[in-house]
């Protein structure tokens, strides 16, 4: 049943035609921080969710560019990757490198039972902050659920976000990993963290 739902979700989505022009840059930027096995398809799904590949996107709260960095975070990114000192969220090359760098920085600070569960935590942290993920994991542990499993475990616990922020944050990893990543895998962008290449 779940597979049928995922297939239906994938068919409801389409990859914007202009996404292809950023593919080579995304691969290059991803491999800088993740090496050859970089999960390019996962990052493509994340960019899709953030801006639908619009390099000029600006959110109502002020997030900017393809990867929707808030001003304070984009200014801080030079601490993660010195090459990002220019702070150019509207520059697609800068934005894609910053997304890959920040995801890797978050990846190195969370642990989970599998790569898929770990990436879900990374995505939750990208969307709402690493501190919240750490607090949610601590709450999951306190309540007797597995702090190393995101789906149907840590994701169920709210350490204090308001209801709207909690809903958005919990939808973010699910949509990227369960709906959009398979879309990019099927389109031949490579394997994702949670989905392998179709055979």
Protein backbone atom coordinates (compact mmCIF):
# COMPACT_ATOMS: atom_id res chain seq x y z
CA UNK A 1 0.00 0.00 0.00
CA UNK A 2 2.79 2.44 0.94
CA UNK A 3 4.58 1.78 -2.37
CA UNK A 4 1.41 2.62 -4.29
CA UNK A 5 1.05 5.89 -2.38
CA UNK A 6 4.68 6.82 -3.07
CA UNK A 7 4.28 6.08 -6.79
CA UNK A 8 1.12 8.20 -6.89
CA UNK A 9 2.96 11.08 -5.16
CA UNK A 10 5.85 10.84 -7.62
CA UNK A 11 3.50 10.98 -10.59
CA UNK A 12 1.78 14.06 -9.14
CA UNK A 13 5.10 15.94 -9.21
CA UNK A 14 7.23 16.99 -12.16
CA UNK A 15 10.81 18.18 -12.34
CA UNK A 16 10.93 21.76 -13.61
CA UNK A 17 12.53 21.74 -17.10
CA UNK A 18 15.10 24.38 -16.05
CA UNK A 19 16.43 22.12 -13.24
CA UNK A 20 18.65 20.33 -15.77
CA UNK A 21 20.79 23.43 -16.28
CA UNK A 22 21.92 23.21 -12.64
CA UNK A 23 22.62 19.46 -12.60
CA UNK A 24 26.34 19.60 -13.41
CA UNK A 25 26.95 22.32 -10.82
CA UNK A 26 25.02 20.35 -8.21
CA UNK A 27 27.10 17.23 -8.88
CA UNK A 28 30.34 19.21 -8.65
CA UNK A 29 29.32 21.01 -5.45
CA UNK A 30 28.03 17.85 -3.80
CA UNK A 31 31.24 15.95 -4.51
CA UNK A 32 33.38 18.70 -2.97
CA UNK A 33 31.99 17.89 0.48
CA UNK A 34 30.64 14.34 0.08
CA UNK A 35 33.07 12.74 -2.37
CA UNK A 36 32.15 10.62 -5.39
CA UNK A 37 29.22 8.83 -3.71
CA UNK A 38 27.51 12.16 -2.93
CA UNK A 39 23.71 11.79 -2.72
CA UNK A 40 23.08 14.19 -5.61
CA UNK A 41 19.50 13.00 -6.08
CA UNK A 42 18.68 13.78 -2.46
CA UNK A 43 20.12 17.27 -2.84
CA UNK A 44 18.18 17.78 -6.07
CA UNK A 45 15.00 16.88 -4.21
CA UNK A 46 15.92 19.34 -1.47
CA UNK A 47 16.49 22.18 -3.96
CA UNK A 48 13.17 21.29 -5.58
CA UNK A 49 11.44 21.62 -2.20
CA UNK A 50 13.23 24.83 -1.29
CA UNK A 51 12.74 26.87 -4.47
CA UNK A 52 11.61 24.65 -7.36
CA UNK A 53 15.00 25.57 -8.86
CA UNK A 54 14.34 29.31 -8.89
CA UNK A 55 17.67 31.08 -8.23
CA UNK A 56 15.84 34.37 -7.55
CA UNK A 57 13.38 32.98 -5.01
CA UNK A 58 12.74 34.98 -1.83
CA UNK A 59 10.49 33.56 0.86
CA UNK A 60 8.06 35.63 2.95
CA UNK A 61 10.49 35.36 5.89
CA UNK A 62 13.53 36.46 3.84
CA UNK A 63 15.18 33.18 2.79
CA UNK A 64 16.99 33.64 -0.51
CA UNK A 65 18.01 31.83 -3.66
CA UNK A 66 17.92 28.24 -4.90
CA UNK A 67 18.59 26.80 -1.47
CA UNK A 68 16.72 29.39 0.61
CA UNK A 69 19.34 30.42 3.10
CA UNK A 70 18.32 32.96 5.71
CA UNK A 71 20.68 35.98 5.83
CA UNK A 72 22.30 35.03 9.15
CA UNK A 73 22.93 31.46 7.99
CA UNK A 74 24.33 32.51 4.62
CA UNK A 75 26.72 34.92 6.37
CA UNK A 76 27.78 32.12 8.75
CA UNK A 77 28.47 29.61 5.97
CA UNK A 78 32.07 30.84 5.58
CA UNK A 79 32.70 29.03 8.88
CA UNK A 80 31.69 25.73 7.26
CA UNK A 81 33.43 26.30 3.91
CA UNK A 82 35.87 29.23 3.54
CA UNK A 83 35.10 29.32 -0.19
CA UNK A 84 31.61 30.60 0.73
CA UNK A 85 32.95 33.83 2.24
CA UNK A 86 31.41 35.86 -0.61
CA UNK A 87 27.90 35.23 0.83
CA UNK A 88 25.99 35.13 -2.48
CA UNK A 89 22.73 33.23 -1.93
CA UNK A 90 21.39 34.34 -5.33
CA UNK A 91 24.43 32.87 -7.11
CA UNK A 92 23.44 29.28 -8.01
CA UNK A 93 27.00 27.95 -7.68
CA UNK A 94 27.35 29.48 -4.22
CA UNK A 95 23.90 28.28 -3.16
CA UNK A 96 24.44 24.67 -4.29
CA UNK A 97 27.85 24.47 -2.65
CA UNK A 98 26.39 25.95 0.55
CA UNK A 99 23.57 23.39 0.60
CA UNK A 100 25.99 20.47 0.19
CA UNK A 101 28.38 21.93 2.78
CA UNK A 102 25.68 22.64 5.35
CA UNK A 103 24.07 19.23 4.89
CA UNK A 104 27.46 17.59 5.46
CA UNK A 105 28.11 19.74 8.52
CA UNK A 106 24.74 18.64 9.93
CA UNK A 107 25.34 15.00 8.89
CA UNK A 108 28.53 14.94 10.95
CA UNK A 109 26.57 16.05 14.03
CA UNK A 110 23.70 13.56 14.07
CA UNK A 111 23.59 9.80 14.33
CA UNK A 112 20.89 7.34 13.32
CA UNK A 113 20.25 3.66 12.63
CA UNK A 114 20.55 4.09 8.85
CA UNK A 115 21.62 6.62 6.24
CA UNK A 116 17.99 7.34 5.35
CA UNK A 117 17.02 8.04 8.98
CA UNK A 118 20.14 10.15 9.41
CA UNK A 119 19.37 12.23 6.33
CA UNK A 120 15.85 12.81 7.63
CA UNK A 121 17.42 14.31 10.76
CA UNK A 122 19.78 16.40 8.62
CA UNK A 123 16.84 17.74 6.63
CA UNK A 124 14.86 18.52 9.77
CA UNK A 125 17.89 20.41 11.09
CA UNK A 126 18.36 22.28 7.78
CA UNK A 127 14.73 23.37 7.95
CA UNK A 128 14.44 24.19 11.63
CA UNK A 129 17.81 24.09 13.34
CA UNK A 130 20.12 21.43 14.74
CA UNK A 131 19.28 22.38 18.32
CA UNK A 132 15.65 21.40 17.79
CA UNK A 133 16.64 18.00 16.39
CA UNK A 134 18.86 17.39 19.40
CA UNK A 135 16.08 18.38 21.79
CA UNK A 136 13.56 16.21 19.94
CA UNK A 137 15.96 13.24 20.10
CA UNK A 138 16.41 13.77 23.84
CA UNK A 139 12.64 13.91 24.31
CA UNK A 140 12.20 10.72 22.26
CA UNK A 141 14.75 8.97 24.50
CA UNK A 142 13.01 10.26 27.65
CA UNK A 143 9.65 8.97 26.39
CA UNK A 144 11.05 5.55 25.56
CA UNK A 145 11.22 5.73 21.77
CA UNK A 146 14.32 5.25 19.64
CA UNK A 147 16.35 8.49 19.37
CA UNK A 148 18.31 6.98 16.45
CA UNK A 149 15.20 6.52 14.27
CA UNK A 150 13.52 9.55 12.73
CA UNK A 151 10.45 8.22 10.96
CA UNK A 152 7.64 7.26 13.33
CA UNK A 153 9.95 7.85 16.31
CA UNK A 154 11.84 11.14 16.81
CA UNK A 155 9.56 12.90 14.31
CA UNK A 156 6.60 12.29 16.64
CA UNK A 157 8.14 14.31 19.48
CA UNK A 158 7.99 18.08 19.76
CA UNK A 159 10.36 19.67 22.25
CA UNK A 160 8.62 23.03 21.99
CA UNK A 161 8.07 24.27 18.44
CA UNK A 162 4.78 25.99 17.75
CA UNK A 163 2.22 23.88 15.90
CA UNK A 164 2.76 25.45 12.47
CA UNK A 165 6.56 25.17 12.65
CA UNK A 166 6.26 21.58 13.86
CA UNK A 167 3.98 20.59 10.95
CA UNK A 168 6.25 22.25 8.40
CA UNK A 169 9.37 20.70 9.87
CA UNK A 170 7.93 17.19 9.95
CA UNK A 171 6.64 17.45 6.40
CA UNK A 172 10.01 18.63 5.06
CA UNK A 173 12.03 15.38 5.36
CA UNK A 174 9.05 13.21 4.38
CA UNK A 175 8.36 15.17 1.21
CA UNK A 176 12.01 15.33 0.15
CA UNK A 177 12.88 11.69 0.88
CA UNK A 178 9.58 9.94 0.14
CA UNK A 179 8.14 12.02 -2.71
CA UNK A 180 10.81 14.09 -4.44
CA UNK A 181 13.90 11.89 -4.13
CA UNK A 182 12.17 8.99 -5.99
CA UNK A 183 11.13 11.46 -8.70
CA UNK A 184 14.76 12.41 -9.36
CA UNK A 185 15.95 8.80 -9.10
CA UNK A 186 13.40 7.76 -11.75
CA UNK A 187 14.51 10.67 -13.93
CA UNK A 188 18.08 9.31 -13.94
CA UNK A 189 19.77 11.80 -11.63
CA UNK A 190 21.39 8.90 -9.75
CA UNK A 191 20.75 7.20 -6.44
CA UNK A 192 19.47 8.92 -3.37
CA UNK A 193 20.11 8.31 0.29
CA UNK A 194 16.83 6.39 0.63
CA UNK A 195 16.30 5.15 -2.95
CA UNK A 196 18.62 3.30 -5.32
CA UNK A 197 18.71 3.63 -9.09
CA UNK A 198 15.73 1.95 -10.80
CA UNK A 199 16.57 -1.36 -12.44
